[in-house]
């Protein structure tokens, strides 16, 4: 009885630690960031002025991060990771495909809310740089490179910096594209609102000074 209970506790602890270790992966971290943003959106009821103040800087960055999760897995990693259990297949589908695509669709429907700024790029790139630095430290000191294209020991320093440069360029291109699309959509929304704003001003002027009718 005691041995069985102890074994159950060990198994539970092992499962908990395995769950914690899974958050070393970029995929899990970006999915967690999506969960944080959606939680904030619910708390502030989607249209709060507080949320809009940080929407561009935060949601824009998270959109890029989760898009890279989708593209990176679909293009480079899907052939390396093929789960066979029903649970593994389901979770793989959710975190690599469904969540990124759903969040990107949500971004498309809300991209007119705020106007993005190009300086956001400097803020958005902080997390990927920190993750890359941490992944190197983790690989060197703990012997576990989580992604093959970041494994310095396997690919060599030259190819590592080449891969790093490609990642940075792709990130900046995606970020710039995100900002351009947002600014075009935001400007089109402004243009669409101009007749309504003009009419409201005319009504206000007429109300204040009826002689101008």
N, C-alpha and C. Protein backbone atom coordinates (compact mmCIF):
# COMPACT_ATOMS: atom_id res chain seq x y z
N UNK A 1 0.83 -1.20 0.00
CA UNK A 1 0.00 0.00 0.00
C UNK A 1 0.87 1.25 0.00
N UNK A 2 1.83 1.27 0.93
CA UNK A 2 2.72 2.43 1.05
C UNK A 2 3.55 2.59 -0.22
N UNK A 3 4.05 1.47 -0.75
CA UNK A 3 4.88 1.51 -1.96
C UNK A 3 4.06 2.02 -3.14
N UNK A 4 2.81 1.57 -3.25
CA UNK A 4 1.96 1.98 -4.35
C UNK A 4 1.66 3.49 -4.26
N UNK A 5 1.39 3.98 -3.04
CA UNK A 5 1.12 5.40 -2.84
C UNK A 5 2.34 6.24 -3.18
N UNK A 6 3.50 5.76 -2.72
CA UNK A 6 4.74 6.48 -3.00
C UNK A 6 5.01 6.53 -4.51
N UNK A 7 4.77 5.42 -5.20
CA UNK A 7 4.97 5.37 -6.64
C UNK A 7 4.03 6.33 -7.36
N UNK A 8 2.79 6.40 -6.87
CA UNK A 8 1.81 7.33 -7.46
C UNK A 8 2.28 8.76 -7.32
N UNK A 9 2.81 9.10 -6.14
CA UNK A 9 3.30 10.45 -5.89
C UNK A 9 4.51 10.77 -6.77
N UNK A 10 5.38 9.79 -6.94
CA UNK A 10 6.55 9.98 -7.80
C UNK A 10 6.12 10.20 -9.25
N UNK A 11 5.14 9.40 -9.70
CA UNK A 11 4.64 9.54 -11.07
C UNK A 11 4.00 10.91 -11.28
N UNK A 12 3.25 11.35 -10.27
CA UNK A 12 2.60 12.67 -10.37
C UNK A 12 3.65 13.77 -10.43
N UNK A 13 4.69 13.65 -9.59
CA UNK A 13 5.75 14.65 -9.59
C UNK A 13 6.51 14.64 -10.90
N UNK A 14 6.76 13.45 -11.43
CA UNK A 14 7.45 13.33 -12.72
C UNK A 14 6.65 13.99 -13.84
N UNK A 15 5.33 13.75 -13.81
CA UNK A 15 4.46 14.36 -14.81
C UNK A 15 4.44 15.87 -14.70
N UNK A 16 4.42 16.37 -13.47
CA UNK A 16 4.43 17.82 -13.24
C UNK A 16 5.72 18.44 -13.75
N UNK A 17 6.86 17.81 -13.42
CA UNK A 17 8.16 18.33 -13.87
C UNK A 17 8.29 18.27 -15.39
N UNK A 18 7.74 17.20 -15.98
CA UNK A 18 7.77 17.10 -17.45
C UNK A 18 6.96 18.23 -18.08
N UNK A 19 5.83 18.56 -17.45
CA UNK A 19 5.02 19.68 -17.94
C UNK A 19 5.76 21.00 -17.83
N UNK A 20 6.46 21.19 -16.73
CA UNK A 20 7.25 22.42 -16.55
C UNK A 20 8.37 22.48 -17.59
N UNK A 21 9.05 21.35 -17.81
CA UNK A 21 10.16 21.31 -18.77
C UNK A 21 9.69 21.59 -20.20
N UNK A 22 8.45 21.25 -20.49
CA UNK A 22 7.94 21.48 -21.85
C UNK A 22 7.90 22.95 -22.19
N UNK A 23 7.87 23.80 -21.17
CA UNK A 23 7.82 25.25 -21.42
C UNK A 23 9.18 25.82 -21.77
N UNK A 24 10.19 24.96 -21.89
CA UNK A 24 11.46 25.41 -22.45
C UNK A 24 11.32 25.66 -23.94
N UNK A 25 10.34 25.05 -24.55
CA UNK A 25 10.18 25.12 -26.00
C UNK A 25 9.48 26.41 -26.42
N UNK A 26 9.96 26.96 -27.52
CA UNK A 26 9.39 28.20 -28.06
C UNK A 26 7.90 28.04 -28.34
N UNK A 27 7.52 26.89 -28.85
CA UNK A 27 6.11 26.63 -29.16
C UNK A 27 5.23 26.79 -27.93
N UNK A 28 5.65 26.19 -26.83
CA UNK A 28 4.85 26.24 -25.62
C UNK A 28 4.81 27.66 -25.06
N UNK A 29 5.93 28.35 -25.12
CA UNK A 29 5.97 29.72 -24.60
C UNK A 29 5.07 30.65 -25.40
N UNK A 30 5.09 30.51 -26.72
CA UNK A 30 4.26 31.39 -27.54
C UNK A 30 2.77 31.08 -27.37
N UNK A 31 2.44 29.81 -27.21
CA UNK A 31 1.04 29.45 -26.91
C UNK A 31 0.62 30.02 -25.56
N UNK A 32 1.53 30.03 -24.62
CA UNK A 32 1.24 30.59 -23.30
C UNK A 32 1.02 32.11 -23.41
N UNK A 33 1.82 32.78 -24.24
CA UNK A 33 1.63 34.22 -24.46
C UNK A 33 0.26 34.51 -25.07
N UNK A 34 -0.16 33.66 -25.98
CA UNK A 34 -1.51 33.79 -26.56
C UNK A 34 -2.57 33.68 -25.46
N UNK A 35 -2.39 32.71 -24.58
CA UNK A 35 -3.34 32.51 -23.48
C UNK A 35 -3.37 33.74 -22.57
N UNK A 36 -2.21 34.33 -22.32
CA UNK A 36 -2.15 35.53 -21.48
C UNK A 36 -2.91 36.67 -22.13
N UNK A 37 -2.69 36.88 -23.44
CA UNK A 37 -3.38 37.97 -24.13
C UNK A 37 -4.90 37.76 -24.13
N UNK A 38 -5.34 36.55 -24.39
CA UNK A 38 -6.78 36.28 -24.40
C UNK A 38 -7.39 36.48 -23.02
N UNK A 39 -6.62 36.15 -21.99
CA UNK A 39 -7.08 36.38 -20.62
C UNK A 39 -7.25 37.87 -20.36
N UNK A 40 -6.27 38.67 -20.79
CA UNK A 40 -6.35 40.12 -20.64
C UNK A 40 -7.55 40.67 -21.41
N UNK A 41 -7.78 40.13 -22.60
CA UNK A 41 -8.90 40.59 -23.42
C UNK A 41 -10.23 40.33 -22.72
N UNK A 42 -10.35 39.17 -22.07
CA UNK A 42 -11.56 38.85 -21.34
C UNK A 42 -11.71 39.75 -20.11
N UNK A 43 -10.62 39.94 -19.38
CA UNK A 43 -10.66 40.76 -18.16
C UNK A 43 -11.07 42.19 -18.49
N UNK A 44 -10.48 42.74 -19.56
CA UNK A 44 -10.77 44.12 -19.93
C UNK A 44 -11.89 44.23 -20.97
N UNK A 45 -12.57 43.12 -21.23
CA UNK A 45 -13.78 43.12 -22.03
C UNK A 45 -13.55 43.57 -23.47
N UNK A 46 -12.41 43.27 -24.02
CA UNK A 46 -12.08 43.44 -25.44
C UNK A 46 -11.99 44.89 -25.92
N UNK A 47 -12.81 45.79 -25.41
CA UNK A 47 -12.85 47.15 -25.94
C UNK A 47 -12.36 48.20 -24.95
N UNK A 48 -11.74 47.77 -23.90
CA UNK A 48 -11.28 48.71 -22.89
C UNK A 48 -10.19 49.61 -23.43
N UNK A 49 -10.23 50.87 -23.03
CA UNK A 49 -9.18 51.81 -23.43
C UNK A 49 -7.82 51.38 -22.90
N UNK A 50 -7.81 50.74 -21.74
CA UNK A 50 -6.55 50.25 -21.17
C UNK A 50 -5.91 49.23 -22.10
N UNK A 51 -6.74 48.33 -22.61
CA UNK A 51 -6.22 47.28 -23.48
C UNK A 51 -5.70 47.88 -24.78
N UNK A 52 -6.40 48.88 -25.31
CA UNK A 52 -5.99 49.49 -26.57
C UNK A 52 -4.64 50.18 -26.45
N UNK A 53 -4.32 50.65 -25.25
CA UNK A 53 -3.04 51.34 -25.06
C UNK A 53 -1.85 50.41 -25.26
N UNK A 54 -2.05 49.13 -25.02
CA UNK A 54 -0.94 48.17 -25.14
C UNK A 54 -1.17 47.17 -26.26
N UNK A 55 -2.30 47.29 -26.97
CA UNK A 55 -2.65 46.29 -27.98
C UNK A 55 -1.62 46.20 -29.09
N UNK A 56 -1.18 47.35 -29.61
CA UNK A 56 -0.22 47.33 -30.69
C UNK A 56 1.10 46.68 -30.28
N UNK A 57 1.63 47.13 -29.15
CA UNK A 57 2.94 46.64 -28.71
C UNK A 57 2.89 45.18 -28.30
N UNK A 58 1.82 44.76 -27.64
CA UNK A 58 1.76 43.38 -27.13
C UNK A 58 1.15 42.41 -28.14
N UNK A 59 -0.04 42.71 -28.60
CA UNK A 59 -0.70 41.76 -29.50
C UNK A 59 0.04 41.63 -30.83
N UNK A 60 0.59 42.74 -31.30
CA UNK A 60 1.37 42.66 -32.54
C UNK A 60 2.54 41.72 -32.40
N UNK A 61 3.27 41.84 -31.29
CA UNK A 61 4.41 40.96 -31.05
C UNK A 61 4.00 39.51 -30.91
N UNK A 62 2.94 39.25 -30.14
CA UNK A 62 2.48 37.88 -29.95
C UNK A 62 2.02 37.28 -31.27
N UNK A 63 1.42 38.09 -32.13
CA UNK A 63 0.99 37.61 -33.44
C UNK A 63 2.18 37.12 -34.26
N UNK A 64 3.28 37.88 -34.22
CA UNK A 64 4.49 37.45 -34.93
C UNK A 64 5.05 36.17 -34.32
N UNK A 65 5.13 36.12 -33.00
CA UNK A 65 5.70 34.95 -32.32
C UNK A 65 4.93 33.68 -32.68
N UNK A 66 3.60 33.75 -32.61
CA UNK A 66 2.81 32.54 -32.85
C UNK A 66 2.78 32.20 -34.34
N UNK A 67 2.93 33.20 -35.20
CA UNK A 67 3.02 32.93 -36.64
C UNK A 67 4.32 32.19 -36.96
N UNK A 68 5.41 32.57 -36.28
CA UNK A 68 6.69 31.88 -36.46
C UNK A 68 6.58 30.44 -35.95
N UNK A 69 5.84 30.23 -34.89
CA UNK A 69 5.59 28.86 -34.40
C UNK A 69 4.95 28.02 -35.51
N UNK A 70 3.94 28.57 -36.15
CA UNK A 70 3.24 27.87 -37.22
C UNK A 70 4.15 27.62 -38.42
N UNK A 71 4.81 28.66 -38.90
CA UNK A 71 5.66 28.53 -40.09
C UNK A 71 6.87 27.64 -39.82
N UNK A 72 7.51 27.84 -38.66
CA UNK A 72 8.69 27.06 -38.32
C UNK A 72 8.39 25.58 -38.25
N UNK A 73 7.26 25.25 -37.63
CA UNK A 73 6.91 23.82 -37.52
C UNK A 73 6.51 23.26 -38.89
N UNK A 74 5.67 23.99 -39.61
CA UNK A 74 5.17 23.49 -40.90
C UNK A 74 6.30 23.31 -41.91
N UNK A 75 7.28 24.22 -41.89
CA UNK A 75 8.33 24.21 -42.91
C UNK A 75 9.53 23.34 -42.50
N UNK A 76 9.94 23.43 -41.23
CA UNK A 76 11.20 22.80 -40.83
C UNK A 76 11.08 21.62 -39.87
N UNK A 77 10.09 21.65 -38.99
CA UNK A 77 10.11 20.71 -37.88
C UNK A 77 9.07 19.58 -37.95
N UNK A 78 8.11 19.71 -38.83
CA UNK A 78 7.04 18.70 -38.86
C UNK A 78 7.56 17.31 -39.21
N UNK A 79 8.63 17.26 -40.00
CA UNK A 79 9.18 15.95 -40.38
C UNK A 79 10.00 15.33 -39.25
N UNK A 80 10.38 16.15 -38.27
CA UNK A 80 11.20 15.65 -37.16
C UNK A 80 10.37 15.21 -35.97
N UNK A 81 9.14 15.68 -35.89
CA UNK A 81 8.30 15.35 -34.74
C UNK A 81 6.97 14.81 -35.24
N UNK A 82 6.78 13.53 -35.08
CA UNK A 82 5.56 12.87 -35.55
C UNK A 82 4.94 12.07 -34.41
N UNK A 83 4.08 12.68 -33.61
CA UNK A 83 3.45 11.95 -32.51
C UNK A 83 2.55 10.84 -33.05
N UNK A 84 2.45 9.77 -32.29
CA UNK A 84 1.68 8.60 -32.74
C UNK A 84 0.44 8.33 -31.87
N UNK A 85 0.45 8.84 -30.63
CA UNK A 85 -0.70 8.61 -29.76
C UNK A 85 -1.81 9.61 -30.09
N UNK A 86 -3.05 9.29 -29.84
CA UNK A 86 -4.16 10.22 -30.10
C UNK A 86 -3.97 11.56 -29.38
N UNK A 87 -3.53 11.48 -28.12
CA UNK A 87 -3.32 12.72 -27.35
C UNK A 87 -2.20 13.55 -27.97
N UNK A 88 -1.11 12.89 -28.35
CA UNK A 88 0.01 13.60 -28.95
C UNK A 88 -0.37 14.24 -30.28
N UNK A 89 -1.12 13.52 -31.09
CA UNK A 89 -1.56 14.06 -32.38
C UNK A 89 -2.47 15.27 -32.18
N UNK A 90 -3.37 15.15 -31.21
CA UNK A 90 -4.32 16.24 -30.94
C UNK A 90 -3.60 17.49 -30.43
N UNK A 91 -2.74 17.34 -29.42
CA UNK A 91 -2.04 18.50 -28.87
C UNK A 91 -1.11 19.12 -29.90
N UNK A 92 -0.47 18.29 -30.70
CA UNK A 92 0.40 18.80 -31.76
C UNK A 92 -0.40 19.65 -32.75
N UNK A 93 -1.58 19.18 -33.12
CA UNK A 93 -2.45 19.92 -34.04
C UNK A 93 -2.88 21.26 -33.43
N UNK A 94 -3.19 21.24 -32.14
CA UNK A 94 -3.68 22.44 -31.47
C UNK A 94 -2.60 23.51 -31.37
N UNK A 95 -1.43 23.13 -30.82
CA UNK A 95 -0.42 24.15 -30.52
C UNK A 95 0.36 24.62 -31.74
N UNK A 96 0.43 23.77 -32.78
CA UNK A 96 1.21 24.16 -33.97
C UNK A 96 0.36 24.70 -35.12
N UNK A 97 -0.93 24.38 -35.11
CA UNK A 97 -1.78 24.79 -36.23
C UNK A 97 -3.01 25.59 -35.79
N UNK A 98 -3.84 25.00 -34.95
CA UNK A 98 -5.12 25.62 -34.63
C UNK A 98 -4.96 26.95 -33.90
N UNK A 99 -4.14 26.97 -32.85
CA UNK A 99 -3.95 28.21 -32.09
C UNK A 99 -3.31 29.31 -32.94
N UNK A 100 -2.21 29.04 -33.66
CA UNK A 100 -1.65 30.09 -34.50
C UNK A 100 -2.62 30.63 -35.55
N UNK A 101 -3.33 29.74 -36.24
CA UNK A 101 -4.25 30.18 -37.29
C UNK A 101 -5.42 30.97 -36.69
N UNK A 102 -5.96 30.49 -35.56
CA UNK A 102 -7.07 31.18 -34.92
C UNK A 102 -6.65 32.57 -34.43
N UNK A 103 -5.45 32.66 -33.87
CA UNK A 103 -4.99 33.96 -33.36
C UNK A 103 -4.72 34.92 -34.51
N UNK A 104 -4.20 34.40 -35.60
CA UNK A 104 -3.96 35.24 -36.78
C UNK A 104 -5.28 35.76 -37.36
N UNK A 105 -6.29 34.92 -37.39
CA UNK A 105 -7.61 35.36 -37.85
C UNK A 105 -8.17 36.43 -36.93
N UNK A 106 -8.01 36.22 -35.62
CA UNK A 106 -8.46 37.23 -34.65
C UNK A 106 -7.73 38.55 -34.88
N UNK A 107 -6.43 38.49 -35.15
CA UNK A 107 -5.66 39.71 -35.42
C UNK A 107 -6.19 40.43 -36.66
N UNK A 108 -6.53 39.68 -37.70
CA UNK A 108 -7.06 40.28 -38.93
C UNK A 108 -8.35 41.05 -38.65
N UNK A 109 -9.20 40.48 -37.81
CA UNK A 109 -10.49 41.12 -37.53
C UNK A 109 -10.37 42.31 -36.56
N UNK A 110 -9.24 42.42 -35.88
CA UNK A 110 -9.07 43.51 -34.91
C UNK A 110 -7.93 44.45 -35.25
N UNK A 111 -7.32 44.31 -36.43
CA UNK A 111 -6.13 45.10 -36.72
C UNK A 111 -6.42 46.58 -36.92
N UNK A 112 -7.70 46.95 -37.06
CA UNK A 112 -8.04 48.37 -37.22
C UNK A 112 -8.20 49.09 -35.88
N UNK A 113 -8.06 48.35 -34.79
CA UNK A 113 -8.30 48.96 -33.48
C UNK A 113 -7.28 50.03 -33.13
N UNK A 114 -6.02 49.77 -33.42
CA UNK A 114 -4.95 50.70 -33.08
C UNK A 114 -3.97 50.79 -34.25
N UNK A 115 -3.20 51.87 -34.26
CA UNK A 115 -2.22 52.07 -35.32
C UNK A 115 -0.84 51.64 -34.83
N UNK A 116 -0.22 50.72 -35.54
CA UNK A 116 1.10 50.22 -35.15
C UNK A 116 2.19 51.22 -35.55
N UNK A 117 3.31 51.15 -34.85
CA UNK A 117 4.45 52.02 -35.12
C UNK A 117 5.68 51.17 -35.40
N UNK A 118 6.53 51.64 -36.31
CA UNK A 118 7.72 50.87 -36.67
C UNK A 118 8.69 50.68 -35.49
N UNK A 119 8.77 51.62 -34.55
CA UNK A 119 9.62 51.36 -33.37
C UNK A 119 9.21 50.14 -32.57
N UNK A 120 7.98 49.64 -32.78
CA UNK A 120 7.55 48.42 -32.10
C UNK A 120 8.49 47.25 -32.43
N UNK A 121 9.10 47.29 -33.61
CA UNK A 121 9.98 46.20 -34.02
C UNK A 121 11.10 45.97 -33.00
N UNK A 122 11.64 47.07 -32.48
CA UNK A 122 12.73 46.96 -31.50
C UNK A 122 12.24 46.29 -30.22
N UNK A 123 11.00 46.54 -29.85
CA UNK A 123 10.42 45.91 -28.66
C UNK A 123 10.08 44.45 -28.93
N UNK A 124 9.51 44.20 -30.10
CA UNK A 124 9.07 42.83 -30.44
C UNK A 124 10.23 41.85 -30.52
N UNK A 125 11.40 42.31 -30.95
CA UNK A 125 12.51 41.39 -31.19
C UNK A 125 13.24 41.02 -29.90
N UNK A 126 12.93 41.68 -28.79
CA UNK A 126 13.61 41.39 -27.52
C UNK A 126 13.40 39.95 -27.10
N UNK A 127 12.15 39.49 -27.14
CA UNK A 127 11.87 38.11 -26.70
C UNK A 127 12.60 37.06 -27.54
N UNK A 128 12.56 37.12 -28.89
CA UNK A 128 13.29 36.11 -29.66
C UNK A 128 14.79 36.10 -29.37
N UNK A 129 15.38 37.28 -29.19
CA UNK A 129 16.81 37.36 -28.90
C UNK A 129 17.11 36.70 -27.55
N UNK A 130 16.30 37.02 -26.55
CA UNK A 130 16.49 36.43 -25.23
C UNK A 130 16.30 34.91 -25.28
N UNK A 131 15.34 34.46 -26.08
CA UNK A 131 15.12 33.01 -26.19
C UNK A 131 16.31 32.32 -26.83
N UNK A 132 16.87 32.92 -27.86
CA UNK A 132 18.03 32.34 -28.55
C UNK A 132 19.22 32.27 -27.60
N UNK A 133 19.45 33.35 -26.85
CA UNK A 133 20.55 33.36 -25.88
C UNK A 133 20.35 32.27 -24.84
N UNK A 134 19.12 32.16 -24.34
CA UNK A 134 18.83 31.13 -23.33
C UNK A 134 19.00 29.73 -23.91
N UNK A 135 18.60 29.54 -25.17
CA UNK A 135 18.71 28.20 -25.77
C UNK A 135 20.16 27.77 -25.90
N UNK A 136 21.05 28.73 -26.17
CA UNK A 136 22.48 28.41 -26.25
C UNK A 136 23.01 28.03 -24.87
N UNK A 137 22.65 28.81 -23.89
CA UNK A 137 23.09 28.51 -22.51
C UNK A 137 22.57 27.14 -22.08
N UNK A 138 21.31 26.87 -22.38
CA UNK A 138 20.71 25.59 -22.03
C UNK A 138 21.43 24.43 -22.72
N UNK A 139 21.77 24.62 -23.99
CA UNK A 139 22.47 23.57 -24.73
C UNK A 139 23.89 23.35 -24.25
N UNK A 140 24.60 24.43 -23.97
CA UNK A 140 26.00 24.33 -23.57
C UNK A 140 26.17 23.76 -22.17
N UNK A 141 25.33 24.19 -21.26
CA UNK A 141 25.53 23.82 -19.85
C UNK A 141 24.65 22.66 -19.40
N UNK A 142 23.56 22.41 -20.14
CA UNK A 142 22.68 21.32 -19.73
C UNK A 142 22.56 20.24 -20.81
N UNK A 143 23.30 20.42 -21.90
CA UNK A 143 23.40 19.39 -22.93
C UNK A 143 22.13 19.13 -23.71
N UNK A 144 21.27 20.13 -23.82
CA UNK A 144 20.00 19.90 -24.51
C UNK A 144 19.68 21.08 -25.42
N UNK A 145 20.02 20.94 -26.71
CA UNK A 145 19.61 21.93 -27.70
C UNK A 145 18.20 21.54 -28.16
N UNK A 146 17.27 22.43 -27.97
CA UNK A 146 15.87 22.10 -28.20
C UNK A 146 15.50 22.07 -29.67
N UNK A 147 16.26 22.78 -30.48
CA UNK A 147 15.98 22.83 -31.92
C UNK A 147 17.27 22.59 -32.70
N UNK A 148 17.23 21.75 -33.73
CA UNK A 148 18.45 21.37 -34.45
C UNK A 148 19.17 22.56 -35.11
N UNK A 149 18.44 23.57 -35.56
CA UNK A 149 19.07 24.71 -36.22
C UNK A 149 19.73 25.67 -35.24
N UNK A 150 19.58 25.41 -33.93
CA UNK A 150 20.26 26.20 -32.90
C UNK A 150 21.33 25.37 -32.17
N UNK A 151 21.61 24.20 -32.69
CA UNK A 151 22.60 23.31 -32.07
C UNK A 151 23.99 23.65 -32.60
N UNK A 152 24.73 24.47 -31.86
CA UNK A 152 26.05 24.93 -32.30
C UNK A 152 27.00 23.76 -32.47
N UNK A 153 26.95 22.80 -31.55
CA UNK A 153 27.86 21.66 -31.61
C UNK A 153 27.65 20.82 -32.87
N UNK A 154 26.42 20.73 -33.34
CA UNK A 154 26.12 19.89 -34.50
C UNK A 154 26.35 20.62 -35.83
N UNK A 155 25.97 21.88 -35.91
CA UNK A 155 26.04 22.58 -37.21
C UNK A 155 27.26 23.47 -37.35
N UNK A 156 27.95 23.74 -36.23
CA UNK A 156 29.13 24.60 -36.29
C UNK A 156 28.77 26.07 -36.13
N UNK A 157 29.75 26.85 -35.72
CA UNK A 157 29.52 28.25 -35.41
C UNK A 157 29.09 29.05 -36.64
N UNK A 158 29.70 28.76 -37.79
CA UNK A 158 29.36 29.50 -39.01
C UNK A 158 27.90 29.33 -39.40
N UNK A 159 27.45 28.08 -39.47
CA UNK A 159 26.06 27.82 -39.83
C UNK A 159 25.09 28.32 -38.75
N UNK A 160 25.58 28.31 -37.51
CA UNK A 160 24.73 28.81 -36.43
C UNK A 160 24.42 30.29 -36.64
N UNK A 161 25.46 31.08 -36.91
CA UNK A 161 25.24 32.51 -37.12
C UNK A 161 24.45 32.78 -38.41
N UNK A 162 24.62 31.90 -39.39
CA UNK A 162 23.83 32.02 -40.61
C UNK A 162 22.35 31.79 -40.30
N UNK A 163 22.08 30.73 -39.55
CA UNK A 163 20.70 30.44 -39.15
C UNK A 163 20.14 31.57 -38.30
N UNK A 164 20.97 32.11 -37.42
CA UNK A 164 20.55 33.22 -36.57
C UNK A 164 20.20 34.44 -37.41
N UNK A 165 21.04 34.74 -38.40
CA UNK A 165 20.78 35.87 -39.28
C UNK A 165 19.49 35.69 -40.06
N UNK A 166 19.27 34.48 -40.56
CA UNK A 166 18.03 34.20 -41.30
C UNK A 166 16.82 34.40 -40.41
N UNK A 167 16.89 33.91 -39.17
CA UNK A 167 15.78 34.06 -38.24
C UNK A 167 15.47 35.53 -37.97
N UNK A 168 16.52 36.32 -37.77
CA UNK A 168 16.34 37.75 -37.49
C UNK A 168 15.71 38.46 -38.69
N UNK A 169 16.21 38.14 -39.89
CA UNK A 169 15.68 38.76 -41.11
C UNK A 169 14.21 38.39 -41.31
N UNK A 170 13.89 37.11 -41.13
CA UNK A 170 12.50 36.66 -41.27
C UNK A 170 11.61 37.36 -40.26
N UNK A 171 12.11 37.48 -39.05
CA UNK A 171 11.32 38.14 -38.00
C UNK A 171 11.06 39.60 -38.37
N UNK A 172 12.10 40.32 -38.80
CA UNK A 172 11.93 41.73 -39.15
C UNK A 172 11.02 41.90 -40.36
N UNK A 173 11.11 40.97 -41.31
CA UNK A 173 10.23 41.04 -42.48
C UNK A 173 8.78 40.82 -42.07
N UNK A 174 8.54 39.82 -41.23
CA UNK A 174 7.19 39.57 -40.76
C UNK A 174 6.65 40.76 -39.97
N UNK A 175 7.51 41.31 -39.10
CA UNK A 175 7.10 42.45 -38.30
C UNK A 175 6.77 43.66 -39.16
N UNK A 176 7.61 43.93 -40.15
CA UNK A 176 7.37 45.06 -41.05
C UNK A 176 6.08 44.86 -41.85
N UNK A 177 5.86 43.62 -42.31
CA UNK A 177 4.64 43.32 -43.06
C UNK A 177 3.41 43.52 -42.18
N UNK A 178 3.52 43.10 -40.92
CA UNK A 178 2.41 43.25 -39.98
C UNK A 178 2.06 44.73 -39.80
N UNK A 179 3.09 45.55 -39.64
CA UNK A 179 2.88 46.98 -39.44
C UNK A 179 2.29 47.63 -40.68
N UNK A 180 2.80 47.28 -41.85
CA UNK A 180 2.29 47.86 -43.10
C UNK A 180 0.82 47.51 -43.31
N UNK A 181 0.48 46.24 -43.10
CA UNK A 181 -0.92 45.81 -43.25
C UNK A 181 -1.80 46.55 -42.26
N UNK A 182 -1.34 46.66 -41.03
CA UNK A 182 -2.11 47.37 -40.01
C UNK A 182 -2.33 48.83 -40.39
N UNK A 183 -1.27 49.50 -40.83
CA UNK A 183 -1.39 50.92 -41.14
C UNK A 183 -2.32 51.16 -42.33
N UNK A 184 -2.27 50.27 -43.32
CA UNK A 184 -3.19 50.39 -44.46
C UNK A 184 -4.64 50.20 -44.01
N UNK A 185 -4.85 49.18 -43.17
CA UNK A 185 -6.21 48.92 -42.68
C UNK A 185 -6.70 50.05 -41.79
N UNK A 186 -5.81 50.55 -40.94
CA UNK A 186 -6.17 51.65 -40.04
C UNK A 186 -6.52 52.91 -40.82
N UNK A 187 -5.73 53.19 -41.87
CA UNK A 187 -5.98 54.38 -42.69
C UNK A 187 -7.29 54.23 -43.46
N UNK A 188 -7.57 53.04 -43.97
CA UNK A 188 -8.83 52.83 -44.68
C UNK A 188 -10.02 53.01 -43.75
N UNK A 189 -9.86 52.59 -42.50
CA UNK A 189 -10.93 52.78 -41.51
C UNK A 189 -11.12 54.26 -41.21
N UNK A 190 -10.03 55.02 -41.14
CA UNK A 190 -10.12 56.46 -40.93
C UNK A 190 -10.86 57.15 -42.08
N UNK A 191 -10.51 56.78 -43.30
CA UNK A 191 -11.15 57.36 -44.48
C UNK A 191 -12.64 57.05 -44.48
N UNK A 192 -12.98 55.83 -44.12
CA UNK A 192 -14.39 55.43 -44.08
C UNK A 192 -15.17 56.21 -43.03
N UNK A 193 -14.48 56.62 -41.97
CA UNK A 193 -15.13 57.34 -40.87
C UNK A 193 -15.24 58.84 -41.13
N UNK A 194 -14.45 59.36 -42.09
CA UNK A 194 -14.41 60.81 -42.30
C UNK A 194 -15.77 61.43 -42.62
N UNK A 195 -16.59 60.85 -43.53
CA UNK A 195 -17.92 61.44 -43.78
C UNK A 195 -18.80 61.47 -42.53
N UNK A 196 -18.72 60.42 -41.73
CA UNK A 196 -19.52 60.37 -40.51
C UNK A 196 -19.06 61.44 -39.53
N UNK A 197 -17.74 61.61 -39.39
CA UNK A 197 -17.20 62.62 -38.48
C UNK A 197 -17.59 64.02 -38.95
N UNK A 198 -17.51 64.24 -40.27
CA UNK A 198 -17.86 65.54 -40.84
C UNK A 198 -19.34 65.85 -40.58
N UNK A 199 -20.20 64.86 -40.79
CA UNK A 199 -21.63 65.04 -40.56
C UNK A 199 -21.92 65.36 -39.10
N UNK A 200 -21.23 64.69 -38.20
CA UNK A 200 -21.43 64.94 -36.77
C UNK A 200 -21.00 66.35 -36.41
N UNK A 201 -19.90 66.83 -37.01
CA UNK A 201 -19.44 68.20 -36.75
C UNK A 201 -20.45 69.22 -37.28
N UNK A 202 -21.02 68.92 -38.46
CA UNK A 202 -22.03 69.81 -39.04
C UNK A 202 -23.25 69.90 -38.14
N UNK A 203 -23.68 68.76 -37.61
CA UNK A 203 -24.83 68.75 -36.72
C UNK A 203 -24.55 69.53 -35.45
N UNK A 204 -23.35 69.36 -34.91
CA UNK A 204 -22.97 70.08 -33.70
C UNK A 204 -22.94 71.58 -33.94
N UNK A 205 -22.39 72.00 -35.09
CA UNK A 205 -22.32 73.42 -35.43
C UNK A 205 -23.72 74.00 -35.59
N UNK A 206 -24.60 73.26 -36.25
CA UNK A 206 -25.97 73.72 -36.46
C UNK A 206 -26.72 73.84 -35.14
N UNK A 207 -26.43 72.94 -34.21
CA UNK A 207 -27.08 72.98 -32.92
C UNK A 207 -26.62 74.18 -32.10
N UNK A 208 -25.34 74.49 -32.18
CA UNK A 208 -24.78 75.61 -31.43
C UNK A 208 -25.20 76.94 -32.05
N UNK A 209 -25.22 77.01 -33.40
CA UNK A 209 -25.53 78.25 -34.10
C UNK A 209 -26.56 77.96 -35.20
N UNK A 210 -27.85 77.97 -34.88
CA UNK A 210 -28.89 77.62 -35.87
C UNK A 210 -28.87 78.53 -37.09
N UNK A 211 -28.35 79.76 -37.00
CA UNK A 211 -28.34 80.69 -38.13
C UNK A 211 -27.47 80.19 -39.28
N UNK A 212 -26.55 79.24 -38.97
CA UNK A 212 -25.66 78.74 -40.00
C UNK A 212 -26.32 77.68 -40.86
N UNK A 213 -27.54 77.28 -40.54
CA UNK A 213 -28.24 76.26 -41.34
C UNK A 213 -28.52 76.78 -42.75
